[in-house]
Amino acid sequence: MNKQIVLDLKGLNLELLQANMDKEDFPHEYFTAFLRIKNTSGTRKKLAIDMDGTRYISAKNGIDYAYKILPYQFSLSTGDFLPQNSYLDIKIKYKDIQGANNGDRMEIKLKDFAILPLVLLDNQWYWHTDVIEYIGGEFVLRPPISRAEKIMQKKKLKNKIEHFESIDEKFGLTLQNFSFEIIDWNNIKMFCEVIALTDEILEEGFTMNIAIYDNNNDIVYTDSKSVYAEDFKGFDILTFDYIKLDIDIDEISKIRIYPTR
């Protein structure tokens, strides 16, 4: 298992802040998981935590399903919206768990999104990499992307590049040798060689833009890199770091790259 303290998945950043007996429940004291969910995408996201699917699995205490989730709006079947670039702290309470032990496992079920497993190892909670994602109307085990899969996806992404030579030439440029680094199913890096056709470009500089589209032809990601005339010597390798997507990389339909000023 690849140990992850923070999990990034399709525009959400998830971190378990704490998991122990909550003294604020006096006179009762319930085992409580404090989960922070950040919306790192460019749009608001609707979240609902399925209480019937959220559970604690312990060799000592058996299986215990969530007793209470706060704020309560997120335990309703309709859920609630989390605005873009914001975060929410959620409490998940278990009634019959008396304490955490190494080897224990929690499964947090986000409705129509994923079942997120946590495992306690050496007294530290880690996200299990075998996240069960909601794909095509059902929950499917999505293990970490393999080396062979990365090689295949790199080839596919190269074939999805679209750039317009007539536009490039108007800027006195040619683009070539597009390359990718696959980090995981939702995160990539892109590289591109930029070569000047004439000396005119050296006097003005340019901005290189990318737009990524999904299978519905919707734009799901944009970015740009500015290259200043004094820094450009006629050849450069542009790097678009940490492209974080709300879709899986195999759902990309095309990647357009073009210069502007």
Foldseek 3Di string as FASTA:
>chain_A
DDFAQWDDALQKIKHFPDWWWDPVVPVATWTKTKMKIARAFPFKDFWAWAQVFKWKADPVQGIFTFPAKPPNQRPDPRGGIDGHGDMDIMMTTTRRDHGDDAQIKIWIDIPLFWTWMWGQHPNGIGTAQQIFTRPPNRTHGDHWQDPVNQVVLFVVQVVQEDEDVVQQVVLQKDKDDWTKDDPTQFKIKIKIKIFGNDCPNLVAWKKKKKFWAFPVRDTFDIDIDTDGSVRDPGIDMDMDHTRGGSGTSVRTRHMYMGIGD
